[in-house]
Amino acid sequence: MFVVIGLFILWRFAHRQHLVWSTKLLIGSVLLGFGTFNTVEGIVDHQILGVHHVNEQVSEAARFAWDMAFLAWGAVMIADGWLIMQRGKRDMASMAS
């Protein structure tokens, strides 16, 4: 459901004439979104609620390590996405000048 809503919003924005598309902005936004989702989901579902863990086939101690690696991966995606978006914004600003 959320994917369909997101695609609809993207489609509507894509048809605006004043919107300038950038591959870096798109990739950065996707990474930032996935990283944010994974981090929030990992904290809420894995740590707070304990609904499930990244790897249920390992011991309790190893589950925690897998969960922390998942959170670290989410943080890396957030950081990389933000950096790529900043580069995309700079590129767009230099093209506009």
PDB file of N, CA and C in Angstrom:
ATOM      1  N   MET A   1       0.816  -1.182   0.000  1.00  0.00           N
ATOM      2  CA  MET A   1       0.000   0.000   0.000  1.00  0.00           C
ATOM      3  C   MET A   1       0.871   1.262   0.000  1.00  0.00           C
ATOM      4  N   PHE A   2       1.894   1.300   0.883  1.00  0.00           N
ATOM      5  CA  PHE A   2       2.753   2.478   0.965  1.00  0.00           C
ATOM      6  C   PHE A   2       3.580   2.657  -0.310  1.00  0.00           C
ATOM      7  N   VAL A   3       3.958   1.547  -0.933  1.00  0.00           N
ATOM      8  CA  VAL A   3       4.717   1.640  -2.183  1.00  0.00           C
ATOM      9  C   VAL A   3       3.856   2.281  -3.265  1.00  0.00           C
ATOM     10  N   VAL A   4       2.607   1.879  -3.344  1.00  0.00           N
ATOM     11  CA  VAL A   4       1.694   2.452  -4.340  1.00  0.00           C
ATOM     12  C   VAL A   4       1.501   3.944  -4.087  1.00  0.00           C
ATOM     13  N   ILE A   5       1.333   4.314  -2.833  1.00  0.00           N
ATOM     14  CA  ILE A   5       1.184   5.738  -2.493  1.00  0.00           C
ATOM     15  C   ILE A   5       2.446   6.504  -2.859  1.00  0.00           C
ATOM     16  N   GLY A   6       3.608   5.938  -2.543  1.00  0.00           N
ATOM     17  CA  GLY A   6       4.875   6.582  -2.874  1.00  0.00           C
ATOM     18  C   GLY A   6       5.057   6.749  -4.374  1.00  0.00           C
ATOM     19  N   LEU A   7       4.706   5.712  -5.135  1.00  0.00           N
ATOM     20  CA  LEU A   7       4.820   5.814  -6.586  1.00  0.00           C
ATOM     21  C   LEU A   7       3.866   6.866  -7.154  1.00  0.00           C
ATOM     22  N   PHE A   8       2.677   6.967  -6.592  1.00  0.00           N
ATOM     23  CA  PHE A   8       1.722   7.989  -7.030  1.00  0.00           C
ATOM     24  C   PHE A   8       2.275   9.388  -6.767  1.00  0.00           C
ATOM     25  N   ILE A   9       2.826   9.579  -5.588  1.00  0.00           N
ATOM     26  CA  ILE A   9       3.405  10.888  -5.256  1.00  0.00           C
ATOM     27  C   ILE A   9       4.580  11.198  -6.195  1.00  0.00           C
ATOM     28  N   LEU A  10       5.438  10.214  -6.436  1.00  0.00           N
ATOM     29  CA  LEU A  10       6.558  10.408  -7.351  1.00  0.00           C
ATOM     30  C   LEU A  10       6.061  10.761  -8.748  1.00  0.00           C
ATOM     31  N   TRP A  11       5.042  10.059  -9.220  1.00  0.00           N
ATOM     32  CA  TRP A  11       4.483  10.322 -10.546  1.00  0.00           C
ATOM     33  C   TRP A  11       3.947  11.744 -10.640  1.00  0.00           C
ATOM     34  N   ARG A  12       3.249  12.194  -9.593  1.00  0.00           N
ATOM     35  CA  ARG A  12       2.700  13.559  -9.607  1.00  0.00           C
ATOM     36  C   ARG A  12       3.802  14.614  -9.634  1.00  0.00           C
ATOM     37  N   PHE A  13       4.831  14.421  -8.846  1.00  0.00           N
ATOM     38  CA  PHE A  13       5.933  15.381  -8.823  1.00  0.00           C
ATOM     39  C   PHE A  13       6.729  15.361 -10.125  1.00  0.00           C
ATOM     40  N   ALA A  14       6.814  14.194 -10.757  1.00  0.00           N
ATOM     41  CA  ALA A  14       7.585  14.077 -11.997  1.00  0.00           C
ATOM     42  C   ALA A  14       6.966  14.882 -13.131  1.00  0.00           C
ATOM     43  N   HIS A  15       5.687  15.161 -13.044  1.00  0.00           N
ATOM     44  CA  HIS A  15       5.012  15.887 -14.108  1.00  0.00           C
ATOM     45  C   HIS A  15       5.001  17.395 -13.899  1.00  0.00           C
ATOM     46  N   ARG A  16       5.672  17.862 -12.893  1.00  0.00           N
ATOM     47  CA  ARG A  16       5.790  19.305 -12.690  1.00  0.00           C
ATOM     48  C   ARG A  16       6.924  19.831 -13.559  1.00  0.00           C
ATOM     49  N   GLN A  17       6.678  20.915 -14.223  1.00  0.00           N
ATOM     50  CA  GLN A  17       7.659  21.456 -15.162  1.00  0.00           C
ATOM     51  C   GLN A  17       8.887  22.039 -14.464  1.00  0.00           C
ATOM     52  N   HIS A  18       8.719  22.575 -13.276  1.00  0.00           N
ATOM     53  CA  HIS A  18       9.840  23.223 -12.599  1.00  0.00           C
ATOM     54  C   HIS A  18      10.751  22.244 -11.859  1.00  0.00           C
ATOM     55  N   LEU A  19      10.397  20.983 -11.820  1.00  0.00           N
ATOM     56  CA  LEU A  19      11.194  19.999 -11.105  1.00  0.00           C
ATOM     57  C   LEU A  19      12.363  19.546 -11.981  1.00  0.00           C
ATOM     58  N   VAL A  20      13.558  19.636 -11.445  1.00  0.00           N
ATOM     59  CA  VAL A  20      14.752  19.197 -12.159  1.00  0.00           C
ATOM     60  C   VAL A  20      15.194  17.867 -11.558  1.00  0.00           C
ATOM     61  N   TRP A  21      15.282  16.847 -12.394  1.00  0.00           N
ATOM     62  CA  TRP A  21      15.656  15.524 -11.932  1.00  0.00           C
ATOM     63  C   TRP A  21      17.163  15.360 -11.919  1.00  0.00           C
ATOM     64  N   SER A  22      17.647  14.655 -10.944  1.00  0.00           N
ATOM     65  CA  SER A  22      19.055  14.351 -10.825  1.00  0.00           C
ATOM     66  C   SER A  22      19.190  12.905 -10.367  1.00  0.00           C
ATOM     67  N   THR A  23      20.062  12.165 -11.023  1.00  0.00           N
ATOM     68  CA  THR A  23      20.278  10.770 -10.639  1.00  0.00           C
ATOM     69  C   THR A  23      20.815  10.681  -9.213  1.00  0.00           C
ATOM     70  N   LYS A  24      21.724  11.577  -8.861  1.00  0.00           N
ATOM     71  CA  LYS A  24      22.278  11.557  -7.509  1.00  0.00           C
ATOM     72  C   LYS A  24      21.203  11.849  -6.471  1.00  0.00           C
ATOM     73  N   LEU A  25      20.318  12.799  -6.762  1.00  0.00           N
ATOM     74  CA  LEU A  25      19.243  13.100  -5.811  1.00  0.00           C
ATOM     75  C   LEU A  25      18.308  11.904  -5.657  1.00  0.00           C
ATOM     76  N   LEU A  26      18.002  11.231  -6.753  1.00  0.00           N
ATOM     77  CA  LEU A  26      17.120  10.066  -6.686  1.00  0.00           C
ATOM     78  C   LEU A  26      17.769   8.937  -5.896  1.00  0.00           C
ATOM     79  N   ILE A  27      19.010   8.604  -6.224  1.00  0.00           N
ATOM     80  CA  ILE A  27      19.699   7.503  -5.533  1.00  0.00           C
ATOM     81  C   ILE A  27      19.890   7.844  -4.056  1.00  0.00           C
ATOM     82  N   GLY A  28      20.287   9.079  -3.775  1.00  0.00           N
ATOM     83  CA  GLY A  28      20.454   9.495  -2.384  1.00  0.00           C
ATOM     84  C   GLY A  28      19.155   9.422  -1.604  1.00  0.00           C
ATOM     85  N   SER A  29      18.068   9.837  -2.226  1.00  0.00           N
ATOM     86  CA  SER A  29      16.756   9.786  -1.563  1.00  0.00           C
ATOM     87  C   SER A  29      16.329   8.357  -1.278  1.00  0.00           C
ATOM     88  N   VAL A  30      16.564   7.467  -2.241  1.00  0.00           N
ATOM     89  CA  VAL A  30      16.203   6.062  -2.044  1.00  0.00           C
ATOM     90  C   VAL A  30      17.017   5.453  -0.906  1.00  0.00           C
ATOM     91  N   LEU A  31      18.333   5.706  -0.910  1.00  0.00           N
ATOM     92  CA  LEU A  31      19.169   5.181   0.178  1.00  0.00           C
ATOM     93  C   LEU A  31      18.755   5.750   1.530  1.00  0.00           C
ATOM     94  N   LEU A  32      18.491   7.038   1.561  1.00  0.00           N
ATOM     95  CA  LEU A  32      18.063   7.676   2.806  1.00  0.00           C
ATOM     96  C   LEU A  32      16.742   7.077   3.294  1.00  0.00           C
ATOM     97  N   GLY A  33      15.818   6.860   2.384  1.00  0.00           N
ATOM     98  CA  GLY A  33      14.529   6.271   2.756  1.00  0.00           C
ATOM     99  C   GLY A  33      14.655   4.844   3.250  1.00  0.00           C
ATOM    100  N   PHE A  34      15.387   4.004   2.503  1.00  0.00           N
ATOM    101  CA  PHE A  34      15.579   2.613   2.925  1.00  0.00           C
ATOM    102  C   PHE A  34      16.318   2.544   4.256  1.00  0.00           C
ATOM    103  N   GLY A  35      17.355   3.361   4.395  1.00  0.00           N
ATOM    104  CA  GLY A  35      18.128   3.352   5.638  1.00  0.00           C
ATOM    105  C   GLY A  35      17.293   3.775   6.825  1.00  0.00           C
ATOM    106  N   THR A  36      16.487   4.810   6.638  1.00  0.00           N
ATOM    107  CA  THR A  36      15.614   5.271   7.724  1.00  0.00           C
ATOM    108  C   THR A  36      14.605   4.197   8.092  1.00  0.00           C
ATOM    109  N   PHE A  37      13.972   3.606   7.073  1.00  0.00           N
ATOM    110  CA  PHE A  37      12.997   2.546   7.344  1.00  0.00           C
ATOM    111  C   PHE A  37      13.653   1.384   8.081  1.00  0.00           C
ATOM    112  N   ASN A  38      14.798   0.907   7.583  1.00  0.00           N
ATOM    113  CA  ASN A  38      15.460  -0.236   8.218  1.00  0.00           C
ATOM    114  C   ASN A  38      15.883   0.069   9.642  1.00  0.00           C
ATOM    115  N   THR A  39      16.374   1.274   9.887  1.00  0.00           N
ATOM    116  CA  THR A  39      16.809   1.636  11.234  1.00  0.00           C
ATOM    117  C   THR A  39      15.627   1.707  12.191  1.00  0.00           C
ATOM    118  N   VAL A  40      14.570   2.374  11.790  1.00  0.00           N
ATOM    119  CA  VAL A  40      13.390   2.477  12.663  1.00  0.00           C
ATOM    120  C   VAL A  40      12.771   1.101  12.879  1.00  0.00           C
ATOM    121  N   GLU A  41      12.629   0.333  11.802  1.00  0.00           N
ATOM    122  CA  GLU A  41      12.054  -1.005  11.925  1.00  0.00           C
ATOM    123  C   GLU A  41      12.929  -1.893  12.797  1.00  0.00           C
ATOM    124  N   GLY A  42      14.237  -1.771  12.655  1.00  0.00           N
ATOM    125  CA  GLY A  42      15.150  -2.575  13.467  1.00  0.00           C
ATOM    126  C   GLY A  42      15.075  -2.230  14.941  1.00  0.00           C
ATOM    127  N   ILE A  43      14.975  -0.949  15.241  1.00  0.00           N
ATOM    128  CA  ILE A  43      14.878  -0.541  16.645  1.00  0.00           C
ATOM    129  C   ILE A  43      13.542  -0.968  17.240  1.00  0.00           C
ATOM    130  N   VAL A  44      12.468  -0.669  16.524  1.00  0.00           N
ATOM    131  CA  VAL A  44      11.130  -0.955  17.070  1.00  0.00           C
ATOM    132  C   VAL A  44      10.852  -2.452  17.101  1.00  0.00           C
ATOM    133  N   ASP A  45      10.944  -3.124  15.932  1.00  0.00           N
ATOM    134  CA  ASP A  45      10.558  -4.540  15.863  1.00  0.00           C
ATOM    135  C   ASP A  45      11.579  -5.484  16.489  1.00  0.00           C
ATOM    136  N   HIS A  46      12.866  -5.225  16.265  1.00  0.00           N
ATOM    137  CA  HIS A  46      13.877  -6.164  16.752  1.00  0.00           C
ATOM    138  C   HIS A  46      14.225  -5.927  18.219  1.00  0.00           C
ATOM    139  N   GLN A  47      14.391  -4.666  18.601  1.00  0.00           N
ATOM    140  CA  GLN A  47      14.886  -4.378  19.945  1.00  0.00           C
ATOM    141  C   GLN A  47      13.767  -4.101  20.951  1.00  0.00           C
ATOM    142  N   ILE A  48      12.853  -3.212  20.626  1.00  0.00           N
ATOM    143  CA  ILE A  48      11.829  -2.818  21.602  1.00  0.00           C
ATOM    144  C   ILE A  48      10.749  -3.883  21.739  1.00  0.00           C
ATOM    145  N   LEU A  49      10.133  -4.266  20.625  1.00  0.00           N
ATOM    146  CA  LEU A  49       9.023  -5.225  20.679  1.00  0.00           C
ATOM    147  C   LEU A  49       9.482  -6.679  20.636  1.00  0.00           C
ATOM    148  N   GLY A  50      10.641  -6.933  20.044  1.00  0.00           N
ATOM    149  CA  GLY A  50      11.123  -8.312  19.921  1.00  0.00           C
ATOM    150  C   GLY A  50      10.247  -9.173  19.044  1.00  0.00           C
ATOM    151  N   VAL A  51       9.551  -8.564  18.074  1.00  0.00           N
ATOM    152  CA  VAL A  51       8.637  -9.294  17.191  1.00  0.00           C
ATOM    153  C   VAL A  51       9.389 -10.362  16.408  1.00  0.00           C
ATOM    154  N   HIS A  52      10.532 -10.008  15.884  1.00  0.00           N
ATOM    155  CA  HIS A  52      11.376 -10.950  15.154  1.00  0.00           C
ATOM    156  C   HIS A  52      12.793 -10.414  15.174  1.00  0.00           C
ATOM    157  N   HIS A  53      13.698 -11.215  14.683  1.00  0.00           N
ATOM    158  CA  HIS A  53      15.102 -10.814  14.611  1.00  0.00           C
ATOM    159  C   HIS A  53      15.601 -11.049  13.196  1.00  0.00           C
ATOM    160  N   VAL A  54      16.728 -10.462  12.877  1.00  0.00           N
ATOM    161  CA  VAL A  54      17.272 -10.582  11.526  1.00  0.00           C
ATOM    162  C   VAL A  54      17.550 -12.032  11.183  1.00  0.00           C
ATOM    163  N   ASN A  55      18.128 -12.778  12.123  1.00  0.00           N
ATOM    164  CA  ASN A  55      18.434 -14.184  11.893  1.00  0.00           C
ATOM    165  C   ASN A  55      17.927 -14.982  13.087  1.00  0.00           C
ATOM    166  N   GLU A  56      16.850 -15.712  12.867  1.00  0.00           N
ATOM    167  CA  GLU A  56      16.231 -16.507  13.938  1.00  0.00           C
ATOM    168  C   GLU A  56      16.898 -17.874  14.115  1.00  0.00           C
ATOM    169  N   GLN A  57      17.806 -18.233  13.224  1.00  0.00           N
ATOM    170  CA  GLN A  57      18.409 -19.569  13.226  1.00  0.00           C
ATOM    171  C   GLN A  57      19.637 -19.681  14.122  1.00  0.00           C
ATOM    172  N   VAL A  58      20.062 -18.575  14.732  1.00  0.00           N
ATOM    173  CA  VAL A  58      21.288 -18.575  15.535  1.00  0.00           C
ATOM    174  C   VAL A  58      20.946 -18.427  17.014  1.00  0.00           C
ATOM    175  N   SER A  59      21.957 -18.526  17.861  1.00  0.00           N
ATOM    176  CA  SER A  59      21.740 -18.410  19.309  1.00  0.00           C
ATOM    177  C   SER A  59      21.291 -16.998  19.679  1.00  0.00           C
ATOM    178  N   GLU A  60      20.797 -16.841  20.907  1.00  0.00           N
ATOM    179  CA  GLU A  60      20.329 -15.531  21.395  1.00  0.00           C
ATOM    180  C   GLU A  60      21.423 -14.465  21.295  1.00  0.00           C
ATOM    181  N   ALA A  61      22.639 -14.823  21.705  1.00  0.00           N
ATOM    182  CA  ALA A  61      23.744 -13.862  21.664  1.00  0.00           C
ATOM    183  C   ALA A  61      24.054 -13.453  20.222  1.00  0.00           C
ATOM    184  N   ALA A  62      24.014 -14.396  19.330  1.00  0.00           N
ATOM    185  CA  ALA A  62      24.304 -14.104  17.926  1.00  0.00           C
ATOM    186  C   ALA A  62      23.172 -13.288  17.299  1.00  0.00           C
ATOM    187  N   ARG A  63      21.935 -13.480  17.755  1.00  0.00           N
ATOM    188  CA  ARG A  63      20.809 -12.680  17.235  1.00  0.00           C
ATOM    189  C   ARG A  63      21.058 -11.197  17.463  1.00  0.00           C
ATOM    190  N   PHE A  64      21.547 -10.867  18.661  1.00  0.00           N
ATOM    191  CA  PHE A  64      21.826  -9.470  18.974  1.00  0.00           C
ATOM    192  C   PHE A  64      22.875  -8.903  18.016  1.00  0.00           C
ATOM    193  N   ALA A  65      23.908  -9.685  17.732  1.00  0.00           N
ATOM    194  CA  ALA A  65      24.950  -9.235  16.805  1.00  0.00           C
ATOM    195  C   ALA A  65      24.378  -9.013  15.411  1.00  0.00           C
ATOM    196  N   TRP A  66      23.534  -9.917  14.950  1.00  0.00           N
ATOM    197  CA  TRP A  66      22.889  -9.752  13.649  1.00  0.00           C
ATOM    198  C   TRP A  66      22.018  -8.505  13.634  1.00  0.00           C
ATOM    199  N   ASP A  67      21.259  -8.304  14.707  1.00  0.00           N
ATOM    200  CA  ASP A  67      20.396  -7.112  14.788  1.00  0.00           C
ATOM    201  C   ASP A  67      21.219  -5.830  14.774  1.00  0.00           C
ATOM    202  N   MET A  68      22.344  -5.805  15.475  1.00  0.00           N
ATOM    203  CA  MET A  68      23.191  -4.612  15.497  1.00  0.00           C
ATOM    204  C   MET A  68      23.825  -4.359  14.120  1.00  0.00           C
ATOM    205  N   ALA A  69      24.206  -5.444  13.435  1.00  0.00           N
ATOM    206  CA  ALA A  69      24.750  -5.291  12.089  1.00  0.00           C
ATOM    207  C   ALA A  69      23.698  -4.713  11.150  1.00  0.00           C
ATOM    208  N   PHE A  70      22.455  -5.128  11.318  1.00  0.00           N
ATOM    209  CA  PHE A  70      21.347  -4.602  10.518  1.00  0.00           C
ATOM    210  C   PHE A  70      21.164  -3.107  10.782  1.00  0.00           C
ATOM    211  N   LEU A  71      21.220  -2.708  12.053  1.00  0.00           N
ATOM    212  CA  LEU A  71      21.108  -1.288  12.391  1.00  0.00           C
ATOM    213  C   LEU A  71      22.294  -0.494  11.843  1.00  0.00           C
ATOM    214  N   ALA A  72      23.478  -1.073  11.912  1.00  0.00           N
ATOM    215  CA  ALA A  72      24.663  -0.395  11.365  1.00  0.00           C
ATOM    216  C   ALA A  72      24.526  -0.217   9.859  1.00  0.00           C
ATOM    217  N   TRP A  73      24.021  -1.240   9.171  1.00  0.00           N
ATOM    218  CA  TRP A  73      23.798  -1.143   7.729  1.00  0.00           C
ATOM    219  C   TRP A  73      22.785  -0.038   7.418  1.00  0.00           C
ATOM    220  N   GLY A  74      21.745   0.069   8.213  1.00  0.00           N
ATOM    221  CA  GLY A  74      20.777   1.152   8.037  1.00  0.00           C
ATOM    222  C   GLY A  74      21.419   2.515   8.219  1.00  0.00           C
ATOM    223  N   ALA A  75      22.282   2.640   9.220  1.00  0.00           N
ATOM    224  CA  ALA A  75      22.974   3.911   9.462  1.00  0.00           C
ATOM    225  C   ALA A  75      23.910   4.260   8.310  1.00  0.00           C
ATOM    226  N   VAL A  76      24.573   3.258   7.742  1.00  0.00           N
ATOM    227  CA  VAL A  76      25.450   3.496   6.586  1.00  0.00           C
ATOM    228  C   VAL A  76      24.626   3.971   5.395  1.00  0.00           C
ATOM    229  N   MET A  77      23.468   3.351   5.173  1.00  0.00           N
ATOM    230  CA  MET A  77      22.610   3.793   4.068  1.00  0.00           C
ATOM    231  C   MET A  77      22.126   5.222   4.280  1.00  0.00           C
ATOM    232  N   ILE A  78      21.788   5.576   5.510  1.00  0.00           N
ATOM    233  CA  ILE A  78      21.359   6.946   5.808  1.00  0.00           C
ATOM    234  C   ILE A  78      22.491   7.926   5.503  1.00  0.00           C
ATOM    235  N   ALA A  79      23.677   7.637   6.002  1.00  0.00           N
ATOM    236  CA  ALA A  79      24.819   8.535   5.796  1.00  0.00           C
ATOM    237  C   ALA A  79      25.177   8.651   4.318  1.00  0.00           C
ATOM    238  N   ASP A  80      25.262   7.520   3.627  1.00  0.00           N
ATOM    239  CA  ASP A  80      25.594   7.554   2.208  1.00  0.00           C
ATOM    240  C   ASP A  80      24.517   8.277   1.406  1.00  0.00           C
ATOM    241  N   GLY A  81      23.264   8.008   1.719  1.00  0.00           N
ATOM    242  CA  GLY A  81      22.170   8.682   1.021  1.00  0.00           C
ATOM    243  C   GLY A  81      22.232  10.181   1.199  1.00  0.00           C
ATOM    244  N   TRP A  82      22.491  10.613   2.413  1.00  0.00           N
ATOM    245  CA  TRP A  82      22.570  12.048   2.690  1.00  0.00           C
ATOM    246  C   TRP A  82      23.732  12.680   1.920  1.00  0.00           C
ATOM    247  N   LEU A  83      24.894  12.006   1.931  1.00  0.00           N
ATOM    248  CA  LEU A  83      26.062  12.529   1.217  1.00  0.00           C
ATOM    249  C   LEU A  83      25.815  12.604  -0.287  1.00  0.00           C
ATOM    250  N   ILE A  84      25.219  11.574  -0.854  1.00  0.00           N
ATOM    251  CA  ILE A  84      24.925  11.575  -2.287  1.00  0.00           C
ATOM    252  C   ILE A  84      23.918  12.673  -2.620  1.00  0.00           C
ATOM    253  N   MET A  85      22.936  12.874  -1.762  1.00  0.00           N
ATOM    254  CA  MET A  85      21.969  13.956  -1.999  1.00  0.00           C
ATOM    255  C   MET A  85      22.654  15.318  -1.964  1.00  0.00           C
ATOM    256  N   GLN A  86      23.582  15.513  -1.051  1.00  0.00           N
ATOM    257  CA  GLN A  86      24.293  16.787  -0.978  1.00  0.00           C
ATOM    258  C   GLN A  86      25.103  17.035  -2.248  1.00  0.00           C
ATOM    259  N   ARG A  87      25.754  15.990  -2.750  1.00  0.00           N
ATOM    260  CA  ARG A  87      26.496  16.128  -4.008  1.00  0.00           C
ATOM    261  C   ARG A  87      25.552  16.445  -5.157  1.00  0.00           C
ATOM    262  N   GLY A  88      24.407  15.804  -5.163  1.00  0.00           N
ATOM    263  CA  GLY A  88      23.421  16.079  -6.206  1.00  0.00           C
ATOM    264  C   GLY A  88      22.913  17.504  -6.148  1.00  0.00           C
ATOM    265  N   LYS A  89      22.681  18.014  -4.944  1.00  0.00           N
ATOM    266  CA  LYS A  89      22.236  19.413  -4.793  1.00  0.00           C
ATOM    267  C   LYS A  89      23.307  20.374  -5.284  1.00  0.00           C
ATOM    268  N   ARG A  90      24.587  20.089  -4.963  1.00  0.00           N
ATOM    269  CA  ARG A  90      25.682  20.958  -5.429  1.00  0.00           C
ATOM    270  C   ARG A  90      25.778  20.923  -6.948  1.00  0.00           C
ATOM    271  N   ASP A  91      25.646  19.718  -7.524  1.00  0.00           N
ATOM    272  CA  ASP A  91      25.699  19.601  -8.980  1.00  0.00           C
ATOM    273  C   ASP A  91      24.581  20.397  -9.644  1.00  0.00           C
ATOM    274  N   MET A  92      23.380  20.296  -9.069  1.00  0.00           N
ATOM    275  CA  MET A  92      22.226  21.011  -9.630  1.00  0.00           C
ATOM    276  C   MET A  92      22.417  22.513  -9.497  1.00  0.00           C
ATOM    277  N   ALA A  93      22.980  22.962  -8.373  1.00  0.00           N
ATOM    278  CA  ALA A  93      23.210  24.394  -8.177  1.00  0.00           C
ATOM    279  C   ALA A  93      24.257  24.914  -9.153  1.00  0.00           C
ATOM    280  N   SER A  94      25.295  24.126  -9.411  1.00  0.00           N
ATOM    281  CA  SER A  94      26.328  24.585 -10.347  1.00  0.00           C
ATOM    282  C   SER A  94      25.808  24.591 -11.778  1.00  0.00           C
ATOM    283  N   MET A  95      24.894  23.689 -12.109  1.00  0.00           N
ATOM    284  CA  MET A  95      24.308  23.680 -13.447  1.00  0.00           C
ATOM    285  C   MET A  95      23.371  24.864 -13.647  1.00  0.00           C
ATOM    286  N   ALA A  96      22.727  25.302 -12.579  1.00  0.00           N
ATOM    287  CA  ALA A  96      21.780  26.421 -12.672  1.00  0.00           C
ATOM    288  C   ALA A  96      22.513  27.755 -12.816  1.00  0.00           C
ATOM    289  N   SER A  97      23.762  27.820 -12.367  1.00  0.00           N
ATOM    290  CA  SER A  97      24.511  29.078 -12.412  1.00  0.00           C
ATOM    291  C   SER A  97      25.052  29.366 -13.797  1.00  0.00           C
TER     292      SER A  97
END
